Full PDB file with SEQRES, HELIX, SHEET, SSBOND, CRYST1, ORIGX, SCALE, CONECT and MASTER records, all heavy atoms in Angstrom:
SEQRES   1 A   36  ILE THR THR ALA ALA ASP LEU GLN GLU ARG VAL LEU TYR          
SEQRES   2 A   36  PHE HIS THR MET SER ASN ARG ARG VAL ARG THR ILE ASP          
SEQRES   3 A   36  LEU LYS ARG VAL ASP PHE THR LYS PRO GLY                      
HELIX    1 AA1 LEU A   27  ARG A   29  5                                   3    
SHEET    1 AA1 3 THR A   2  ASP A   6  0                                        
SHEET    2 AA1 3 VAL A  11  HIS A  15 -1                                        
SHEET    3 AA1 3 ARG A  23  ASP A  26 -1                                        
CRYST1    1.000    1.000    1.000  90.00  90.00  90.00 P 1           1          
ORIGX1      1.000000  0.000000  0.000000        0.00000                         
ORIGX2      0.000000  1.000000  0.000000        0.00000                         
ORIGX3      0.000000  0.000000  1.000000        0.00000                         
SCALE1      1.000000  0.000000  0.000000        0.00000                         
SCALE2      0.000000  1.000000  0.000000        0.00000                         
SCALE3      0.000000  0.000000  1.000000        0.00000                         
ATOM      1  N   ILE A   1       0.851  -1.186   0.000  1.00  0.00           N  
ATOM      2  CA  ILE A   1       0.000   0.000   0.000  1.00  0.00           C  
ATOM      3  C   ILE A   1       0.887   1.237   0.000  1.00  0.00           C  
ATOM      4  O   ILE A   1       1.986   1.229   0.560  1.00  0.00           O  
ATOM      5  CB  ILE A   1      -0.964   0.012   1.212  1.00  0.00           C  
ATOM      6  CG1 ILE A   1      -2.012   1.128   1.074  1.00  0.00           C  
ATOM      7  CG2 ILE A   1      -0.215   0.109   2.521  1.00  0.00           C  
ATOM      8  CD1 ILE A   1      -3.145   1.032   2.094  1.00  0.00           C  
ATOM      9  N   THR A   2       0.437   2.285  -0.680  1.00  0.00           N  
ATOM     10  CA  THR A   2       1.105   3.579  -0.685  1.00  0.00           C  
ATOM     11  C   THR A   2       0.089   4.611  -0.226  1.00  0.00           C  
ATOM     12  O   THR A   2      -1.032   4.649  -0.734  1.00  0.00           O  
ATOM     13  CB  THR A   2       1.627   3.930  -2.086  1.00  0.00           C  
ATOM     14  OG1 THR A   2       2.515   2.900  -2.529  1.00  0.00           O  
ATOM     15  CG2 THR A   2       2.391   5.250  -2.072  1.00  0.00           C  
ATOM     16  N   THR A   3       0.471   5.432   0.746  1.00  0.00           N  
ATOM     17  CA  THR A   3      -0.463   6.406   1.310  1.00  0.00           C  
ATOM     18  C   THR A   3       0.079   7.816   1.156  1.00  0.00           C  
ATOM     19  O   THR A   3       1.289   8.039   1.058  1.00  0.00           O  
ATOM     20  CB  THR A   3      -0.711   6.147   2.808  1.00  0.00           C  
ATOM     21  OG1 THR A   3       0.477   6.462   3.547  1.00  0.00           O  
ATOM     22  CG2 THR A   3      -1.113   4.699   3.058  1.00  0.00           C  
ATOM     23  N   ALA A   4      -0.835   8.782   1.153  1.00  0.00           N  
ATOM     24  CA  ALA A   4      -0.483  10.192   1.213  1.00  0.00           C  
ATOM     25  C   ALA A   4      -1.531  10.883   2.059  1.00  0.00           C  
ATOM     26  O   ALA A   4      -2.738  10.701   1.831  1.00  0.00           O  
ATOM     27  CB  ALA A   4      -0.427  10.817  -0.184  1.00  0.00           C  
ATOM     28  N   ALA A   5      -1.102  11.654   3.045  1.00  0.00           N  
ATOM     29  CA  ALA A   5      -2.018  12.334   3.946  1.00  0.00           C  
ATOM     30  C   ALA A   5      -1.846  13.839   3.795  1.00  0.00           C  
ATOM     31  O   ALA A   5      -0.742  14.367   3.977  1.00  0.00           O  
ATOM     32  CB  ALA A   5      -1.767  11.913   5.390  1.00  0.00           C  
ATOM     33  N   ASP A   6      -2.929  14.527   3.430  1.00  0.00           N  
ATOM     34  CA  ASP A   6      -2.953  15.982   3.361  1.00  0.00           C  
ATOM     35  C   ASP A   6      -3.307  16.474   4.759  1.00  0.00           C  
ATOM     36  O   ASP A   6      -4.460  16.389   5.187  1.00  0.00           O  
ATOM     37  CB  ASP A   6      -4.002  16.421   2.333  1.00  0.00           C  
ATOM     38  CG  ASP A   6      -4.026  17.932   2.122  1.00  0.00           C  
ATOM     39  OD1 ASP A   6      -3.634  18.669   3.051  1.00  0.00           O  
ATOM     40  OD2 ASP A   6      -4.461  18.369   1.035  1.00  0.00           O  
ATOM     41  N   LEU A   7      -2.315  16.982   5.477  1.00  0.00           N  
ATOM     42  CA  LEU A   7      -2.513  17.312   6.884  1.00  0.00           C  
ATOM     43  C   LEU A   7      -3.317  18.591   7.075  1.00  0.00           C  
ATOM     44  O   LEU A   7      -3.972  18.763   8.105  1.00  0.00           O  
ATOM     45  CB  LEU A   7      -1.154  17.441   7.586  1.00  0.00           C  
ATOM     46  CG  LEU A   7      -0.231  16.218   7.462  1.00  0.00           C  
ATOM     47  CD1 LEU A   7       0.993  16.387   8.346  1.00  0.00           C  
ATOM     48  CD2 LEU A   7      -0.959  14.927   7.792  1.00  0.00           C  
ATOM     49  N   GLN A   8      -3.278  19.488   6.106  1.00  0.00           N  
ATOM     50  CA  GLN A   8      -4.063  20.709   6.196  1.00  0.00           C  
ATOM     51  C   GLN A   8      -5.541  20.437   5.934  1.00  0.00           C  
ATOM     52  O   GLN A   8      -6.420  20.896   6.665  1.00  0.00           O  
ATOM     53  CB  GLN A   8      -3.547  21.742   5.194  1.00  0.00           C  
ATOM     54  CG  GLN A   8      -4.331  23.046   5.165  1.00  0.00           C  
ATOM     55  CD  GLN A   8      -3.680  24.078   4.262  1.00  0.00           C  
ATOM     56  OE1 GLN A   8      -2.898  24.920   4.717  1.00  0.00           O  
ATOM     57  NE2 GLN A   8      -3.982  24.017   2.978  1.00  0.00           N  
ATOM     58  N   GLU A   9      -5.812  19.649   4.896  1.00  0.00           N  
ATOM     59  CA  GLU A   9      -7.197  19.335   4.537  1.00  0.00           C  
ATOM     60  C   GLU A   9      -7.721  18.110   5.277  1.00  0.00           C  
ATOM     61  O   GLU A   9      -8.909  17.804   5.205  1.00  0.00           O  
ATOM     62  CB  GLU A   9      -7.305  19.115   3.032  1.00  0.00           C  
ATOM     63  CG  GLU A   9      -6.966  20.343   2.211  1.00  0.00           C  
ATOM     64  CD  GLU A   9      -7.897  21.507   2.498  1.00  0.00           C  
ATOM     65  OE1 GLU A   9      -9.098  21.256   2.755  1.00  0.00           O  
ATOM     66  OE2 GLU A   9      -7.436  22.661   2.466  1.00  0.00           O  
ATOM     67  N   ARG A  10      -6.817  17.374   5.927  1.00  0.00           N  
ATOM     68  CA  ARG A  10      -7.160  16.188   6.716  1.00  0.00           C  
ATOM     69  C   ARG A  10      -7.855  15.119   5.861  1.00  0.00           C  
ATOM     70  O   ARG A  10      -8.948  14.637   6.181  1.00  0.00           O  
ATOM     71  CB  ARG A  10      -8.003  16.578   7.936  1.00  0.00           C  
ATOM     72  CG  ARG A  10      -7.278  17.572   8.827  1.00  0.00           C  
ATOM     73  CD  ARG A  10      -7.981  17.871  10.105  1.00  0.00           C  
ATOM     74  NE  ARG A  10      -9.265  18.530   9.945  1.00  0.00           N  
ATOM     75  CZ  ARG A  10      -9.431  19.817   9.637  1.00  0.00           C  
ATOM     76  NH1 ARG A  10      -8.366  20.580   9.415  1.00  0.00           N  
ATOM     77  NH2 ARG A  10     -10.638  20.340   9.546  1.00  0.00           N  
ATOM     78  N   VAL A  11      -7.187  14.818   4.766  1.00  0.00           N  
ATOM     79  CA  VAL A  11      -7.666  13.784   3.846  1.00  0.00           C  
ATOM     80  C   VAL A  11      -6.567  12.742   3.679  1.00  0.00           C  
ATOM     81  O   VAL A  11      -5.403  13.085   3.439  1.00  0.00           O  
ATOM     82  CB  VAL A  11      -8.040  14.365   2.468  1.00  0.00           C  
ATOM     83  CG1 VAL A  11      -8.522  13.251   1.531  1.00  0.00           C  
ATOM     84  CG2 VAL A  11      -9.116  15.447   2.604  1.00  0.00           C  
ATOM     85  N   LEU A  12      -6.940  11.471   3.822  1.00  0.00           N  
ATOM     86  CA  LEU A  12      -6.021  10.360   3.608  1.00  0.00           C  
ATOM     87  C   LEU A  12      -6.278   9.763   2.233  1.00  0.00           C  
ATOM     88  O   LEU A  12      -7.426   9.457   1.885  1.00  0.00           O  
ATOM     89  CB  LEU A  12      -6.215   9.291   4.678  1.00  0.00           C  
ATOM     90  CG  LEU A  12      -5.343   8.034   4.541  1.00  0.00           C  
ATOM     91  CD1 LEU A  12      -3.879   8.366   4.784  1.00  0.00           C  
ATOM     92  CD2 LEU A  12      -5.806   6.947   5.506  1.00  0.00           C  
ATOM     93  N   TYR A  13      -5.221   9.610   1.447  1.00  0.00           N  
ATOM     94  CA  TYR A  13      -5.281   9.004   0.119  1.00  0.00           C  
ATOM     95  C   TYR A  13      -4.479   7.710   0.153  1.00  0.00           C  
ATOM     96  O   TYR A  13      -3.474   7.613   0.854  1.00  0.00           O  
ATOM     97  CB  TYR A  13      -4.655   9.914  -0.935  1.00  0.00           C  
ATOM     98  CG  TYR A  13      -5.292  11.265  -1.128  1.00  0.00           C  
ATOM     99  CD1 TYR A  13      -5.096  12.296  -0.205  1.00  0.00           C  
ATOM    100  CD2 TYR A  13      -6.058  11.539  -2.264  1.00  0.00           C  
ATOM    101  CE1 TYR A  13      -5.663  13.549  -0.397  1.00  0.00           C  
ATOM    102  CE2 TYR A  13      -6.626  12.799  -2.459  1.00  0.00           C  
ATOM    103  CZ  TYR A  13      -6.417  13.804  -1.524  1.00  0.00           C  
ATOM    104  OH  TYR A  13      -6.973  15.038  -1.718  1.00  0.00           O  
ATOM    105  N   PHE A  14      -4.873   6.731  -0.663  1.00  0.00           N  
ATOM    106  CA  PHE A  14      -4.065   5.515  -0.758  1.00  0.00           C  
ATOM    107  C   PHE A  14      -4.386   4.753  -2.029  1.00  0.00           C  
ATOM    108  O   PHE A  14      -5.464   4.892  -2.614  1.00  0.00           O  
ATOM    109  CB  PHE A  14      -4.288   4.608   0.459  1.00  0.00           C  
ATOM    110  CG  PHE A  14      -5.654   3.972   0.534  1.00  0.00           C  
ATOM    111  CD1 PHE A  14      -5.875   2.696   0.022  1.00  0.00           C  
ATOM    112  CD2 PHE A  14      -6.719   4.649   1.109  1.00  0.00           C  
ATOM    113  CE1 PHE A  14      -7.130   2.101   0.095  1.00  0.00           C  
ATOM    114  CE2 PHE A  14      -7.975   4.069   1.186  1.00  0.00           C  
ATOM    115  CZ  PHE A  14      -8.179   2.791   0.680  1.00  0.00           C  
ATOM    116  N   HIS A  15      -3.421   3.962  -2.487  1.00  0.00           N  
ATOM    117  CA  HIS A  15      -3.670   2.922  -3.486  1.00  0.00           C  
ATOM    118  C   HIS A  15      -2.907   1.684  -3.059  1.00  0.00           C  
ATOM    119  O   HIS A  15      -1.985   1.750  -2.232  1.00  0.00           O  
ATOM    120  CB  HIS A  15      -3.325   3.365  -4.911  1.00  0.00           C  
ATOM    121  CG  HIS A  15      -1.889   3.729  -5.146  1.00  0.00           C  
ATOM    122  ND1 HIS A  15      -0.870   2.805  -5.186  1.00  0.00           N  
ATOM    123  CD2 HIS A  15      -1.302   4.932  -5.393  1.00  0.00           C  
ATOM    124  CE1 HIS A  15       0.279   3.400  -5.440  1.00  0.00           C  
ATOM    125  NE2 HIS A  15       0.047   4.707  -5.566  1.00  0.00           N  
ATOM    126  N   THR A  16      -3.287   0.535  -3.574  1.00  0.00           N  
ATOM    127  CA  THR A  16      -2.752  -0.730  -3.085  1.00  0.00           C  
ATOM    128  C   THR A  16      -2.067  -1.503  -4.199  1.00  0.00           C  
ATOM    129  O   THR A  16      -2.144  -1.152  -5.382  1.00  0.00           O  
ATOM    130  CB  THR A  16      -3.863  -1.603  -2.487  1.00  0.00           C  
ATOM    131  OG1 THR A  16      -4.750  -2.013  -3.539  1.00  0.00           O  
ATOM    132  CG2 THR A  16      -4.649  -0.834  -1.433  1.00  0.00           C  
ATOM    133  N   MET A  17      -1.427  -2.606  -3.799  1.00  0.00           N  
ATOM    134  CA  MET A  17      -0.729  -3.447  -4.764  1.00  0.00           C  
ATOM    135  C   MET A  17      -1.696  -4.082  -5.754  1.00  0.00           C  
ATOM    136  O   MET A  17      -1.308  -4.445  -6.866  1.00  0.00           O  
ATOM    137  CB  MET A  17       0.059  -4.548  -4.044  1.00  0.00           C  
ATOM    138  CG  MET A  17      -0.791  -5.542  -3.279  1.00  0.00           C  
ATOM    139  SD  MET A  17       0.185  -6.874  -2.539  1.00  0.00           S  
ATOM    140  CE  MET A  17      -1.081  -7.721  -1.579  1.00  0.00           C  
ATOM    141  N   SER A  18      -2.954  -4.217  -5.360  1.00  0.00           N  
ATOM    142  CA  SER A  18      -3.923  -4.910  -6.199  1.00  0.00           C  
ATOM    143  C   SER A  18      -4.823  -3.973  -6.995  1.00  0.00           C  
ATOM    144  O   SER A  18      -5.500  -4.405  -7.915  1.00  0.00           O  
ATOM    145  CB  SER A  18      -4.810  -5.814  -5.330  1.00  0.00           C  
ATOM    146  OG  SER A  18      -4.033  -6.733  -4.610  1.00  0.00           O  
ATOM    147  N   ASN A  19      -4.823  -2.693  -6.612  1.00  0.00           N  
ATOM    148  CA  ASN A  19      -5.680  -1.728  -7.295  1.00  0.00           C  
ATOM    149  C   ASN A  19      -5.039  -0.353  -7.176  1.00  0.00           C  
ATOM    150  O   ASN A  19      -5.011   0.247  -6.104  1.00  0.00           O  
ATOM    151  CB  ASN A  19      -7.080  -1.727  -6.672  1.00  0.00           C  
ATOM    152  CG  ASN A  19      -8.063  -0.868  -7.453  1.00  0.00           C  
ATOM    153  OD1 ASN A  19      -7.687  -0.020  -8.245  1.00  0.00           O  
ATOM    154  ND2 ASN A  19      -9.342  -1.092  -7.214  1.00  0.00           N  
ATOM    155  N   ARG A  20      -4.528   0.150  -8.307  1.00  0.00           N  
ATOM    156  CA  ARG A  20      -3.811   1.418  -8.307  1.00  0.00           C  
ATOM    157  C   ARG A  20      -4.744   2.632  -8.296  1.00  0.00           C  
ATOM    158  O   ARG A  20      -4.275   3.771  -8.285  1.00  0.00           O  
ATOM    159  CB  ARG A  20      -2.899   1.489  -9.531  1.00  0.00           C  
ATOM    160  CG  ARG A  20      -1.811   0.442  -9.553  1.00  0.00           C  
ATOM    161  CD  ARG A  20      -0.603   0.854  -8.761  1.00  0.00           C  
ATOM    162  NE  ARG A  20       0.102   1.955  -9.374  1.00  0.00           N  
ATOM    163  CZ  ARG A  20       1.233   2.478  -8.910  1.00  0.00           C  
ATOM    164  NH1 ARG A  20       1.767   1.981  -7.806  1.00  0.00           N  
ATOM    165  NH2 ARG A  20       1.812   3.481  -9.517  1.00  0.00           N  
ATOM    166  N   ARG A  21      -6.030   2.397  -8.307  1.00  0.00           N  
ATOM    167  CA  ARG A  21      -6.947   3.524  -8.202  1.00  0.00           C  
ATOM    168  C   ARG A  21      -6.768   4.196  -6.848  1.00  0.00           C  
ATOM    169  O   ARG A  21      -6.749   3.536  -5.802  1.00  0.00           O  
ATOM    170  CB  ARG A  21      -8.400   3.054  -8.334  1.00  0.00           C  
ATOM    171  CG  ARG A  21      -9.402   4.202  -8.289  1.00  0.00           C  
ATOM    172  CD  ARG A  21     -10.827   3.698  -8.369  1.00  0.00           C  
ATOM    173  NE  ARG A  21     -11.751   4.797  -8.524  1.00  0.00           N  
ATOM    174  CZ  ARG A  21     -13.073   4.654  -8.569  1.00  0.00           C  
ATOM    175  NH1 ARG A  21     -13.607   3.444  -8.486  1.00  0.00           N  
ATOM    176  NH2 ARG A  21     -13.851   5.703  -8.703  1.00  0.00           N  
ATOM    177  N   VAL A  22      -6.644   5.527  -6.846  1.00  0.00           N  
ATOM    178  CA  VAL A  22      -6.466   6.262  -5.597  1.00  0.00           C  
ATOM    179  C   VAL A  22      -7.825   6.417  -4.927  1.00  0.00           C  
ATOM    180  O   VAL A  22      -8.798   6.859  -5.530  1.00  0.00           O  
ATOM    181  CB  VAL A  22      -5.832   7.640  -5.855  1.00  0.00           C  
ATOM    182  CG1 VAL A  22      -5.769   8.448  -4.570  1.00  0.00           C  
ATOM    183  CG2 VAL A  22      -4.433   7.475  -6.445  1.00  0.00           C  
ATOM    184  N   ARG A  23      -7.873   6.045  -3.648  1.00  0.00           N  
ATOM    185  CA  ARG A  23      -9.083   6.184  -2.843  1.00  0.00           C  
ATOM    186  C   ARG A  23      -8.814   7.146  -1.682  1.00  0.00           C  
ATOM    187  O   ARG A  23      -7.671   7.317  -1.277  1.00  0.00           O  
ATOM    188  CB  ARG A  23      -9.516   4.814  -2.319  1.00  0.00           C  
ATOM    189  CG  ARG A  23     -10.149   3.953  -3.407  1.00  0.00           C  
ATOM    190  CD  ARG A  23      -9.918   2.475  -3.209  1.00  0.00           C  
ATOM    191  NE  ARG A  23      -8.593   2.082  -3.674  1.00  0.00           N  
ATOM    192  CZ  ARG A  23      -8.112   0.835  -3.583  1.00  0.00           C  
ATOM    193  NH1 ARG A  23      -8.846  -0.102  -3.034  1.00  0.00           N  
ATOM    194  NH2 ARG A  23      -6.915   0.549  -4.040  1.00  0.00           N  
ATOM    195  N   THR A  24      -9.857   7.789  -1.176  1.00  0.00           N  
ATOM    196  CA  THR A  24      -9.676   8.809  -0.152  1.00  0.00           C  
ATOM    197  C   THR A  24     -10.649   8.619   1.000  1.00  0.00           C  
ATOM    198  O   THR A  24     -11.723   8.031   0.849  1.00  0.00           O  
ATOM    199  CB  THR A  24      -9.898  10.230  -0.718  1.00  0.00           C  
ATOM    200  OG1 THR A  24     -11.279  10.393  -1.066  1.00  0.00           O  
ATOM    201  CG2 THR A  24      -9.038  10.486  -1.929  1.00  0.00           C  
ATOM    202  N   ILE A  25     -10.232   9.150   2.152  1.00  0.00           N  
ATOM    203  CA  ILE A  25     -11.111   9.301   3.307  1.00  0.00           C  
ATOM    204  C   ILE A  25     -10.938  10.739   3.787  1.00  0.00           C  
ATOM    205  O   ILE A  25      -9.838  11.141   4.186  1.00  0.00           O  
ATOM    206  CB  ILE A  25     -10.759   8.323   4.435  1.00  0.00           C  
ATOM    207  CG1 ILE A  25     -10.901   6.877   3.959  1.00  0.00           C  
ATOM    208  CG2 ILE A  25     -11.667   8.564   5.642  1.00  0.00           C  
ATOM    209  CD1 ILE A  25     -10.463   5.862   4.989  1.00  0.00           C  
ATOM    210  N   ASP A  26     -12.021  11.526   3.736  1.00  0.00           N  
ATOM    211  CA  ASP A  26     -12.000  12.918   4.175  1.00  0.00           C  
ATOM    212  C   ASP A  26     -12.429  12.957   5.639  1.00  0.00           C  
ATOM    213  O   ASP A  26     -13.611  12.787   5.960  1.00  0.00           O  
ATOM    214  CB  ASP A  26     -12.947  13.743   3.301  1.00  0.00           C  
ATOM    215  CG  ASP A  26     -12.868  15.233   3.603  1.00  0.00           C  
ATOM    216  OD1 ASP A  26     -12.363  15.609   4.685  1.00  0.00           O  
ATOM    217  OD2 ASP A  26     -13.336  16.033   2.770  1.00  0.00           O  
ATOM    218  N   LEU A  27     -11.472  13.186   6.530  1.00  0.00           N  
ATOM    219  CA  LEU A  27     -11.774  13.138   7.958  1.00  0.00           C  
ATOM    220  C   LEU A  27     -12.686  14.279   8.403  1.00  0.00           C  
ATOM    221  O   LEU A  27     -13.343  14.176   9.434  1.00  0.00           O  
ATOM    222  CB  LEU A  27     -10.488  13.139   8.780  1.00  0.00           C  
ATOM    223  CG  LEU A  27      -9.829  11.756   8.994  1.00  0.00           C  
ATOM    224  CD1 LEU A  27      -9.309  11.186   7.688  1.00  0.00           C  
ATOM    225  CD2 LEU A  27      -8.731  11.826  10.031  1.00  0.00           C  
ATOM    226  N   LYS A  28     -12.744  15.363   7.604  1.00  0.00           N  
ATOM    227  CA  LYS A  28     -13.637  16.470   7.962  1.00  0.00           C  
ATOM    228  C   LYS A  28     -15.100  16.061   7.831  1.00  0.00           C  
ATOM    229  O   LYS A  28     -15.983  16.669   8.435  1.00  0.00           O  
ATOM    230  CB  LYS A  28     -13.368  17.677   7.067  1.00  0.00           C  
ATOM    231  CG  LYS A  28     -11.955  18.245   7.153  1.00  0.00           C  
ATOM    232  CD  LYS A  28     -11.802  19.538   6.385  1.00  0.00           C  
ATOM    233  CE  LYS A  28     -12.150  19.393   4.911  1.00  0.00           C  
ATOM    234  NZ  LYS A  28     -11.271  18.431   4.218  1.00  0.00           N  
ATOM    235  N   ARG A  29     -15.367  15.044   7.038  1.00  0.00           N  
ATOM    236  CA  ARG A  29     -16.738  14.613   6.800  1.00  0.00           C  
ATOM    237  C   ARG A  29     -17.118  13.374   7.614  1.00  0.00           C  
ATOM    238  O   ARG A  29     -18.223  12.847   7.476  1.00  0.00           O  
ATOM    239  CB  ARG A  29     -16.932  14.333   5.303  1.00  0.00           C  
ATOM    240  CG  ARG A  29     -16.858  15.599   4.463  1.00  0.00           C  
ATOM    241  CD  ARG A  29     -16.615  15.295   2.984  1.00  0.00           C  
ATOM    242  NE  ARG A  29     -17.477  14.224   2.506  1.00  0.00           N  
ATOM    243  CZ  ARG A  29     -17.165  13.424   1.477  1.00  0.00           C  
ATOM    244  NH1 ARG A  29     -16.008  13.571   0.852  1.00  0.00           N  
ATOM    245  NH2 ARG A  29     -17.999  12.490   1.100  1.00  0.00           N  
ATOM    246  N   VAL A  30     -16.220  12.905   8.440  1.00  0.00           N  
ATOM    247  CA  VAL A  30     -16.497  11.729   9.258  1.00  0.00           C  
ATOM    248  C   VAL A  30     -17.162  12.157  10.563  1.00  0.00           C  
ATOM    249  O   VAL A  30     -16.731  13.127  11.205  1.00  0.00           O  
ATOM    250  CB  VAL A  30     -15.194  10.957   9.564  1.00  0.00           C  
ATOM    251  CG1 VAL A  30     -15.462   9.811  10.541  1.00  0.00           C  
ATOM    252  CG2 VAL A  30     -14.581  10.419   8.277  1.00  0.00           C  
ATOM    253  N   ASP A  31     -18.194  11.443  10.967  1.00  0.00           N  
ATOM    254  CA  ASP A  31     -18.856  11.709  12.245  1.00  0.00           C  
ATOM    255  C   ASP A  31     -18.107  10.965  13.350  1.00  0.00           C  
ATOM    256  O   ASP A  31     -18.346   9.778  13.590  1.00  0.00           O  
ATOM    257  CB  ASP A  31     -20.316  11.261  12.180  1.00  0.00           C  
ATOM    258  CG  ASP A  31     -21.072  11.540  13.476  1.00  0.00           C  
ATOM    259  OD1 ASP A  31     -20.469  12.133  14.401  1.00  0.00           O  
ATOM    260  OD2 ASP A  31     -22.252  11.142  13.579  1.00  0.00           O  
ATOM    261  N   PHE A  32     -17.204  11.672  14.013  1.00  0.00           N  
ATOM    262  CA  PHE A  32     -16.397  11.047  15.055  1.00  0.00           C  
ATOM    263  C   PHE A  32     -17.120  10.977  16.396  1.00  0.00           C  
ATOM    264  O   PHE A  32     -16.542  10.535  17.385  1.00  0.00           O  
ATOM    265  CB  PHE A  32     -15.068  11.788  15.211  1.00  0.00           C  
ATOM    266  CG  PHE A  32     -14.094  11.518  14.099  1.00  0.00           C  
ATOM    267  CD1 PHE A  32     -13.795  12.495  13.158  1.00  0.00           C  
ATOM    268  CD2 PHE A  32     -13.478  10.279  13.991  1.00  0.00           C  
ATOM    269  CE1 PHE A  32     -12.890  12.246  12.138  1.00  0.00           C  
ATOM    270  CE2 PHE A  32     -12.575  10.016  12.973  1.00  0.00           C  
ATOM    271  CZ  PHE A  32     -12.286  11.001  12.041  1.00  0.00           C  
ATOM    272  N   THR A  33     -18.375  11.426  16.434  1.00  0.00           N  
ATOM    273  CA  THR A  33     -19.165  11.249  17.651  1.00  0.00           C  
ATOM    274  C   THR A  33     -19.904   9.924  17.656  1.00  0.00           C  
ATOM    275  O   THR A  33     -20.441   9.508  18.684  1.00  0.00           O  
ATOM    276  CB  THR A  33     -20.191  12.382  17.795  1.00  0.00           C  
ATOM    277  OG1 THR A  33     -21.164  12.298  16.737  1.00  0.00           O  
ATOM    278  CG2 THR A  33     -19.521  13.746  17.754  1.00  0.00           C  
ATOM    279  N   LYS A  34     -19.945   9.260  16.526  1.00  0.00           N  
ATOM    280  CA  LYS A  34     -20.639   7.976  16.419  1.00  0.00           C  
ATOM    281  C   LYS A  34     -19.878   6.921  17.216  1.00  0.00           C  
ATOM    282  O   LYS A  34     -18.691   6.688  16.991  1.00  0.00           O  
ATOM    283  CB  LYS A  34     -20.723   7.563  14.952  1.00  0.00           C  
ATOM    284  CG  LYS A  34     -21.424   6.248  14.700  1.00  0.00           C  
ATOM    285  CD  LYS A  34     -21.426   5.936  13.201  1.00  0.00           C  
ATOM    286  CE  LYS A  34     -22.063   4.576  12.929  1.00  0.00           C  
ATOM    287  NZ  LYS A  34     -22.034   4.239  11.476  1.00  0.00           N  
ATOM    288  N   PRO A  35     -20.528   6.257  18.173  1.00  0.00           N  
ATOM    289  CA  PRO A  35     -19.813   5.270  18.999  1.00  0.00           C  
ATOM    290  C   PRO A  35     -19.410   4.038  18.197  1.00  0.00           C  
ATOM    291  O   PRO A  35     -20.017   3.700  17.182  1.00  0.00           O  
ATOM    292  CB  PRO A  35     -20.841   4.921  20.082  1.00  0.00           C  
ATOM    293  CG  PRO A  35     -22.162   5.209  19.456  1.00  0.00           C  
ATOM    294  CD  PRO A  35     -21.953   6.375  18.547  1.00  0.00           C  
ATOM    295  N   GLY A  36     -18.399   3.381  18.693  1.00  0.00           N  
ATOM    296  CA  GLY A  36     -17.929   2.164  18.032  1.00  0.00           C  
ATOM    297  C   GLY A  36     -16.992   2.477  16.880  1.00  0.00           C  
ATOM    298  O   GLY A  36     -16.918   3.605  16.388  1.00  0.00           O  
TER     299      GLY A  36                                                      
MASTER        0    0    0    1    3    0    0    6  298    1    0    3          
END                                                                             
């Protein structure tokens, strides 16, 4: 896996050995109050 984290925008990017498509997780849009 190869990752890149934009620390200002708080977005994690990655692609893997099996799929070179870049995928993202935008932490600003995650509900961190949700339990579990």
